[in-house]
PDB file of all heavy atoms in Angstrom:
ATOM      1  N   THR A   1      -4.664 -27.486  12.206  1.00  0.00           N
ATOM      2  CA  THR A   1      -4.705 -27.610  10.744  1.00  0.00           C
ATOM      3  C   THR A   1      -6.136 -27.784  10.245  1.00  0.00           C
ATOM      4  O   THR A   1      -6.528 -27.144   9.259  1.00  0.00           O
ATOM      5  CB  THR A   1      -3.821 -28.772  10.248  1.00  0.00           C
ATOM      6  OG1 THR A   1      -4.218 -29.980  10.879  1.00  0.00           O
ATOM      7  CG2 THR A   1      -2.362 -28.503  10.517  1.00  0.00           C
ATOM      8  N   GLN A   2      -6.922 -28.608  10.902  1.00  0.00           N
ATOM      9  CA  GLN A   2      -8.297 -28.814  10.458  1.00  0.00           C
ATOM     10  C   GLN A   2      -9.134 -27.549  10.646  1.00  0.00           C
ATOM     11  O   GLN A   2      -9.949 -27.211   9.793  1.00  0.00           O
ATOM     12  CB  GLN A   2      -8.929 -29.993  11.197  1.00  0.00           C
ATOM     13  CG  GLN A   2      -8.291 -31.326  10.887  1.00  0.00           C
ATOM     14  CD  GLN A   2      -8.418 -31.711   9.431  1.00  0.00           C
ATOM     15  OE1 GLN A   2      -9.514 -31.911   8.920  1.00  0.00           O
ATOM     16  NE2 GLN A   2      -7.290 -31.810   8.755  1.00  0.00           N
ATOM     17  N   GLY A   3      -8.928 -26.839  11.740  1.00  0.00           N
ATOM     18  CA  GLY A   3      -9.658 -25.593  11.974  1.00  0.00           C
ATOM     19  C   GLY A   3      -9.330 -24.532  10.945  1.00  0.00           C
ATOM     20  O   GLY A   3     -10.218 -23.854  10.418  1.00  0.00           O
ATOM     21  N   VAL A   4      -8.052 -24.398  10.629  1.00  0.00           N
ATOM     22  CA  VAL A   4      -7.631 -23.408   9.628  1.00  0.00           C
ATOM     23  C   VAL A   4      -8.150 -23.794   8.245  1.00  0.00           C
ATOM     24  O   VAL A   4      -8.647 -22.943   7.491  1.00  0.00           O
ATOM     25  CB  VAL A   4      -6.089 -23.254   9.627  1.00  0.00           C
ATOM     26  CG1 VAL A   4      -5.621 -22.461   8.432  1.00  0.00           C
ATOM     27  CG2 VAL A   4      -5.627 -22.599  10.925  1.00  0.00           C
ATOM     28  N   LEU A   5      -8.062 -25.073   7.901  1.00  0.00           N
ATOM     29  CA  LEU A   5      -8.542 -25.530   6.591  1.00  0.00           C
ATOM     30  C   LEU A   5     -10.049 -25.344   6.441  1.00  0.00           C
ATOM     31  O   LEU A   5     -10.520 -24.888   5.389  1.00  0.00           O
ATOM     32  CB  LEU A   5      -8.169 -26.995   6.358  1.00  0.00           C
ATOM     33  CG  LEU A   5      -6.701 -27.271   6.061  1.00  0.00           C
ATOM     34  CD1 LEU A   5      -6.431 -28.772   6.079  1.00  0.00           C
ATOM     35  CD2 LEU A   5      -6.292 -26.677   4.713  1.00  0.00           C
ATOM     36  N   THR A   6     -10.811 -25.680   7.469  1.00  0.00           N
ATOM     37  CA  THR A   6     -12.259 -25.519   7.357  1.00  0.00           C
ATOM     38  C   THR A   6     -12.654 -24.044   7.313  1.00  0.00           C
ATOM     39  O   THR A   6     -13.552 -23.667   6.553  1.00  0.00           O
ATOM     40  CB  THR A   6     -13.003 -26.235   8.499  1.00  0.00           C
ATOM     41  OG1 THR A   6     -12.500 -25.798   9.756  1.00  0.00           O
ATOM     42  CG2 THR A   6     -12.873 -27.739   8.376  1.00  0.00           C
ATOM     43  N   ALA A   7     -11.982 -23.213   8.091  1.00  0.00           N
ATOM     44  CA  ALA A   7     -12.267 -21.776   8.047  1.00  0.00           C
ATOM     45  C   ALA A   7     -11.884 -21.205   6.689  1.00  0.00           C
ATOM     46  O   ALA A   7     -12.628 -20.397   6.112  1.00  0.00           O
ATOM     47  CB  ALA A   7     -11.523 -21.048   9.166  1.00  0.00           C
ATOM     48  N   GLY A   8     -10.733 -21.635   6.174  1.00  0.00           N
ATOM     49  CA  GLY A   8     -10.317 -21.172   4.842  1.00  0.00           C
ATOM     50  C   GLY A   8     -11.304 -21.587   3.770  1.00  0.00           C
ATOM     51  O   GLY A   8     -11.623 -20.814   2.856  1.00  0.00           O
ATOM     52  N   ALA A   9     -11.819 -22.796   3.874  1.00  0.00           N
ATOM     53  CA  ALA A   9     -12.810 -23.271   2.911  1.00  0.00           C
ATOM     54  C   ALA A   9     -14.099 -22.465   3.019  1.00  0.00           C
ATOM     55  O   ALA A   9     -14.714 -22.124   2.003  1.00  0.00           O
ATOM     56  CB  ALA A   9     -13.081 -24.752   3.119  1.00  0.00           C
ATOM     57  N   ALA A  10     -14.514 -22.127   4.239  1.00  0.00           N
ATOM     58  CA  ALA A  10     -15.728 -21.334   4.432  1.00  0.00           C
ATOM     59  C   ALA A  10     -15.571 -19.944   3.832  1.00  0.00           C
ATOM     60  O   ALA A  10     -16.481 -19.433   3.166  1.00  0.00           O
ATOM     61  CB  ALA A  10     -16.073 -21.243   5.914  1.00  0.00           C
ATOM     62  N   VAL A  11     -14.414 -19.328   4.038  1.00  0.00           N
ATOM     63  CA  VAL A  11     -14.156 -18.005   3.467  1.00  0.00           C
ATOM     64  C   VAL A  11     -14.091 -18.104   1.947  1.00  0.00           C
ATOM     65  O   VAL A  11     -14.611 -17.239   1.233  1.00  0.00           O
ATOM     66  CB  VAL A  11     -12.853 -17.400   4.050  1.00  0.00           C
ATOM     67  CG1 VAL A  11     -12.462 -16.126   3.322  1.00  0.00           C
ATOM     68  CG2 VAL A  11     -13.024 -17.140   5.543  1.00  0.00           C
ATOM     69  N   TYR A  12     -13.492 -19.167   1.442  1.00  0.00           N
ATOM     70  CA  TYR A  12     -13.412 -19.391  -0.004  1.00  0.00           C
ATOM     71  C   TYR A  12     -14.811 -19.528  -0.603  1.00  0.00           C
ATOM     72  O   TYR A  12     -15.114 -18.914  -1.639  1.00  0.00           O
ATOM     73  CB  TYR A  12     -12.578 -20.637  -0.291  1.00  0.00           C
ATOM     74  CG  TYR A  12     -12.448 -20.965  -1.742  1.00  0.00           C
ATOM     75  CD1 TYR A  12     -11.624 -20.211  -2.577  1.00  0.00           C
ATOM     76  CD2 TYR A  12     -13.147 -22.026  -2.295  1.00  0.00           C
ATOM     77  CE1 TYR A  12     -11.507 -20.507  -3.924  1.00  0.00           C
ATOM     78  CE2 TYR A  12     -13.040 -22.332  -3.635  1.00  0.00           C
ATOM     79  CZ  TYR A  12     -12.210 -21.567  -4.453  1.00  0.00           C
ATOM     80  OH  TYR A  12     -12.106 -21.861  -5.780  1.00  0.00           O
ATOM     81  N   VAL A  13     -15.664 -20.301   0.036  1.00  0.00           N
ATOM     82  CA  VAL A  13     -17.040 -20.459  -0.442  1.00  0.00           C
ATOM     83  C   VAL A  13     -17.751 -19.113  -0.436  1.00  0.00           C
ATOM     84  O   VAL A  13     -18.450 -18.761  -1.390  1.00  0.00           O
ATOM     85  CB  VAL A  13     -17.803 -21.498   0.419  1.00  0.00           C
ATOM     86  CG1 VAL A  13     -19.300 -21.459   0.149  1.00  0.00           C
ATOM     87  CG2 VAL A  13     -17.254 -22.894   0.160  1.00  0.00           C
ATOM     88  N   ASN A  14     -17.554 -18.343   0.624  1.00  0.00           N
ATOM     89  CA  ASN A  14     -18.155 -17.018   0.706  1.00  0.00           C
ATOM     90  C   ASN A  14     -17.712 -16.148  -0.462  1.00  0.00           C
ATOM     91  O   ASN A  14     -18.533 -15.470  -1.083  1.00  0.00           O
ATOM     92  CB  ASN A  14     -17.791 -16.359   2.039  1.00  0.00           C
ATOM     93  CG  ASN A  14     -18.345 -14.959   2.147  1.00  0.00           C
ATOM     94  OD1 ASN A  14     -17.686 -13.989   1.796  1.00  0.00           O
ATOM     95  ND2 ASN A  14     -19.572 -14.860   2.620  1.00  0.00           N
ATOM     96  N   GLN A  15     -16.438 -16.175  -0.779  1.00  0.00           N
ATOM     97  CA  GLN A  15     -15.923 -15.359  -1.880  1.00  0.00           C
ATOM     98  C   GLN A  15     -16.442 -15.851  -3.230  1.00  0.00           C
ATOM     99  O   GLN A  15     -16.738 -15.051  -4.112  1.00  0.00           O
ATOM    100  CB  GLN A  15     -14.394 -15.343  -1.864  1.00  0.00           C
ATOM    101  CG  GLN A  15     -13.821 -14.539  -0.729  1.00  0.00           C
ATOM    102  CD  GLN A  15     -14.289 -13.098  -0.744  1.00  0.00           C
ATOM    103  OE1 GLN A  15     -14.199 -12.404  -1.756  1.00  0.00           O
ATOM    104  NE2 GLN A  15     -14.832 -12.636   0.372  1.00  0.00           N
ATOM    105  N   LEU A  16     -16.558 -17.163  -3.392  1.00  0.00           N
ATOM    106  CA  LEU A  16     -17.132 -17.700  -4.635  1.00  0.00           C
ATOM    107  C   LEU A  16     -18.559 -17.204  -4.825  1.00  0.00           C
ATOM    108  O   LEU A  16     -18.949 -16.824  -5.940  1.00  0.00           O
ATOM    109  CB  LEU A  16     -17.120 -19.228  -4.623  1.00  0.00           C
ATOM    110  CG  LEU A  16     -15.803 -19.917  -4.889  1.00  0.00           C
ATOM    111  CD1 LEU A  16     -15.978 -21.431  -4.770  1.00  0.00           C
ATOM    112  CD2 LEU A  16     -15.264 -19.568  -6.265  1.00  0.00           C
ATOM    113  N   ILE A  17     -19.333 -17.220  -3.752  1.00  0.00           N
ATOM    114  CA  ILE A  17     -20.717 -16.755  -3.831  1.00  0.00           C
ATOM    115  C   ILE A  17     -20.765 -15.270  -4.171  1.00  0.00           C
ATOM    116  O   ILE A  17     -21.529 -14.843  -5.041  1.00  0.00           O
ATOM    117  CB  ILE A  17     -21.470 -17.065  -2.523  1.00  0.00           C
ATOM    118  CG1 ILE A  17     -21.648 -18.579  -2.377  1.00  0.00           C
ATOM    119  CG2 ILE A  17     -22.818 -16.357  -2.472  1.00  0.00           C
ATOM    120  CD1 ILE A  17     -22.155 -19.022  -1.030  1.00  0.00           C
ATOM    121  N   LYS A  18     -19.933 -14.479  -3.522  1.00  0.00           N
ATOM    122  CA  LYS A  18     -19.890 -13.043  -3.807  1.00  0.00           C
ATOM    123  C   LYS A  18     -19.455 -12.765  -5.239  1.00  0.00           C
ATOM    124  O   LYS A  18     -20.054 -11.943  -5.938  1.00  0.00           O
ATOM    125  CB  LYS A  18     -18.928 -12.332  -2.850  1.00  0.00           C
ATOM    126  CG  LYS A  18     -19.466 -12.112  -1.486  1.00  0.00           C
ATOM    127  CD  LYS A  18     -18.449 -11.337  -0.672  1.00  0.00           C
ATOM    128  CE  LYS A  18     -18.912 -11.149   0.733  1.00  0.00           C
ATOM    129  NZ  LYS A  18     -17.918 -10.419   1.531  1.00  0.00           N
ATOM    130  N   GLN A  19     -18.401 -13.439  -5.680  1.00  0.00           N
ATOM    131  CA  GLN A  19     -17.865 -13.200  -7.021  1.00  0.00           C
ATOM    132  C   GLN A  19     -18.834 -13.652  -8.109  1.00  0.00           C
ATOM    133  O   GLN A  19     -18.843 -13.083  -9.199  1.00  0.00           O
ATOM    134  CB  GLN A  19     -16.518 -13.913  -7.198  1.00  0.00           C
ATOM    135  CG  GLN A  19     -15.431 -13.444  -6.259  1.00  0.00           C
ATOM    136  CD  GLN A  19     -15.078 -11.976  -6.446  1.00  0.00           C
ATOM    137  OE1 GLN A  19     -15.048 -11.474  -7.550  1.00  0.00           O
ATOM    138  NE2 GLN A  19     -14.823 -11.293  -5.340  1.00  0.00           N
ATOM    139  N   SER A  20     -19.634 -14.655  -7.821  1.00  0.00           N
ATOM    140  CA  SER A  20     -20.590 -15.138  -8.817  1.00  0.00           C
ATOM    141  C   SER A  20     -21.768 -14.188  -8.960  1.00  0.00           C
ATOM    142  O   SER A  20     -22.535 -14.296  -9.905  1.00  0.00           O
ATOM    143  CB  SER A  20     -21.094 -16.534  -8.446  1.00  0.00           C
ATOM    144  OG  SER A  20     -21.954 -16.460  -7.321  1.00  0.00           O
ATOM    145  N   GLY A  21     -21.922 -13.274  -8.016  1.00  0.00           N
ATOM    146  CA  GLY A  21     -23.037 -12.344  -8.053  1.00  0.00           C
ATOM    147  C   GLY A  21     -24.318 -12.945  -7.511  1.00  0.00           C
ATOM    148  O   GLY A  21     -25.390 -12.371  -7.656  1.00  0.00           O
ATOM    149  N   TYR A  22     -24.220 -14.125  -6.894  1.00  0.00           N
ATOM    150  CA  TYR A  22     -25.398 -14.782  -6.348  1.00  0.00           C
ATOM    151  C   TYR A  22     -26.048 -13.915  -5.272  1.00  0.00           C
ATOM    152  O   TYR A  22     -27.250 -13.811  -5.190  1.00  0.00           O
ATOM    153  CB  TYR A  22     -25.028 -16.157  -5.776  1.00  0.00           C
ATOM    154  CG  TYR A  22     -26.209 -16.934  -5.285  1.00  0.00           C
ATOM    155  CD1 TYR A  22     -27.114 -17.497  -6.182  1.00  0.00           C
ATOM    156  CD2 TYR A  22     -26.435 -17.105  -3.931  1.00  0.00           C
ATOM    157  CE1 TYR A  22     -28.212 -18.202  -5.726  1.00  0.00           C
ATOM    158  CE2 TYR A  22     -27.529 -17.810  -3.472  1.00  0.00           C
ATOM    159  CZ  TYR A  22     -28.412 -18.361  -4.370  1.00  0.00           C
ATOM    160  OH  TYR A  22     -29.497 -19.050  -3.924  1.00  0.00           O
ATOM    161  N   ILE A  23     -25.223 -13.278  -4.467  1.00  0.00           N
ATOM    162  CA  ILE A  23     -25.727 -12.328  -3.473  1.00  0.00           C
ATOM    163  C   ILE A  23     -25.607 -10.953  -4.102  1.00  0.00           C
ATOM    164  O   ILE A  23     -24.522 -10.397  -4.217  1.00  0.00           O
ATOM    165  CB  ILE A  23     -24.932 -12.404  -2.150  1.00  0.00           C
ATOM    166  CG1 ILE A  23     -25.019 -13.805  -1.556  1.00  0.00           C
ATOM    167  CG2 ILE A  23     -25.437 -11.368  -1.169  1.00  0.00           C
ATOM    168  CD1 ILE A  23     -24.177 -13.993  -0.312  1.00  0.00           C
ATOM    169  N   LYS A  24     -26.706 -10.406  -4.526  1.00  0.00           N
ATOM    170  CA  LYS A  24     -26.721  -9.124  -5.236  1.00  0.00           C
ATOM    171  C   LYS A  24     -26.297  -7.990  -4.311  1.00  0.00           C
ATOM    172  O   LYS A  24     -26.759  -7.889  -3.185  1.00  0.00           O
ATOM    173  CB  LYS A  24     -28.123  -8.829  -5.784  1.00  0.00           C
ATOM    174  CG  LYS A  24     -28.603  -9.881  -6.759  1.00  0.00           C
ATOM    175  CD  LYS A  24     -27.871  -9.762  -8.064  1.00  0.00           C
ATOM    176  CE  LYS A  24     -28.491 -10.751  -9.045  1.00  0.00           C
ATOM    177  NZ  LYS A  24     -27.573 -11.361  -9.918  1.00  0.00           N
ATOM    178  N   GLY A  25     -25.420  -7.150  -4.828  1.00  0.00           N
ATOM    179  CA  GLY A  25     -25.009  -5.961  -4.111  1.00  0.00           C
ATOM    180  C   GLY A  25     -24.035  -6.194  -2.980  1.00  0.00           C
ATOM    181  O   GLY A  25     -23.576  -5.275  -2.369  1.00  0.00           O
ATOM    182  N   GLU A  26     -23.714  -7.436  -2.684  1.00  0.00           N
ATOM    183  CA  GLU A  26     -22.813  -7.741  -1.567  1.00  0.00           C
ATOM    184  C   GLU A  26     -21.426  -7.188  -1.830  1.00  0.00           C
ATOM    185  O   GLU A  26     -20.794  -6.641  -0.945  1.00  0.00           O
ATOM    186  CB  GLU A  26     -22.767  -9.247  -1.324  1.00  0.00           C
ATOM    187  CG  GLU A  26     -22.063  -9.643  -0.069  1.00  0.00           C
ATOM    188  CD  GLU A  26     -22.817  -9.263   1.188  1.00  0.00           C
ATOM    189  OE1 GLU A  26     -24.037  -9.133   1.158  1.00  0.00           O
ATOM    190  OE2 GLU A  26     -22.145  -9.065   2.221  1.00  0.00           O
ATOM    191  N   SER A  27     -20.919  -7.318  -3.051  1.00  0.00           N
ATOM    192  CA  SER A  27     -19.556  -6.865  -3.341  1.00  0.00           C
ATOM    193  C   SER A  27     -19.454  -5.347  -3.355  1.00  0.00           C
ATOM    194  O   SER A  27     -18.400  -4.796  -3.126  1.00  0.00           O
ATOM    195  CB  SER A  27     -19.089  -7.434  -4.686  1.00  0.00           C
ATOM    196  OG  SER A  27     -19.955  -6.996  -5.709  1.00  0.00           O
ATOM    197  N   GLU A  28     -20.562  -4.644  -3.598  1.00  0.00           N
ATOM    198  CA  GLU A  28     -20.518  -3.175  -3.593  1.00  0.00           C
ATOM    199  C   GLU A  28     -20.418  -2.607  -2.188  1.00  0.00           C
ATOM    200  O   GLU A  28     -19.982  -1.489  -1.994  1.00  0.00           O
ATOM    201  CB  GLU A  28     -21.765  -2.597  -4.277  1.00  0.00           C
ATOM    202  CG  GLU A  28     -21.793  -2.816  -5.764  1.00  0.00           C
ATOM    203  CD  GLU A  28     -22.904  -3.764  -6.179  1.00  0.00           C
ATOM    204  OE1 GLU A  28     -23.928  -3.847  -5.464  1.00  0.00           O
ATOM    205  OE2 GLU A  28     -22.742  -4.428  -7.193  1.00  0.00           O
ATOM    206  N   LYS A  29     -20.846  -3.383  -1.173  1.00  0.00           N
ATOM    207  CA  LYS A  29     -20.828  -2.901   0.197  1.00  0.00           C
ATOM    208  C   LYS A  29     -19.413  -2.778   0.749  1.00  0.00           C
ATOM    209  O   LYS A  29     -19.163  -2.025   1.645  1.00  0.00           O
ATOM    210  CB  LYS A  29     -21.645  -3.828   1.105  1.00  0.00           C
ATOM    211  CG  LYS A  29     -23.119  -3.761   0.858  1.00  0.00           C
ATOM    212  CD  LYS A  29     -23.837  -4.710   1.808  1.00  0.00           C
ATOM    213  CE  LYS A  29     -25.313  -4.765   1.521  1.00  0.00           C
ATOM    214  NZ  LYS A  29     -25.986  -5.736   2.376  1.00  0.00           N
ATOM    215  N   GLU A  30     -18.508  -3.605   0.235  1.00  0.00           N
ATOM    216  CA  GLU A  30     -17.166  -3.633   0.821  1.00  0.00           C
ATOM    217  C   GLU A  30     -16.208  -2.765   0.089  1.00  0.00           C
ATOM    218  O   GLU A  30     -16.254  -2.394  -0.969  1.00  0.00           O
ATOM    219  CB  GLU A  30     -16.675  -5.082   0.844  1.00  0.00           C
ATOM    220  CG  GLU A  30     -17.585  -5.903   1.715  1.00  0.00           C
ATOM    221  CD  GLU A  30     -17.107  -7.326   1.837  1.00  0.00           C
ATOM    222  OE1 GLU A  30     -15.924  -7.521   2.116  1.00  0.00           O
ATOM    223  OE2 GLU A  30     -17.927  -8.211   1.671  1.00  0.00           O
TER     224      GLU A  30
END
């Protein structure tokens, strides 16, 4: 449970960063 929750949180943070546009051009690559 802790491994899944921490991995899910890491992926969530990654998506927040991508969606905010903080990493330019990242969302266009996928």
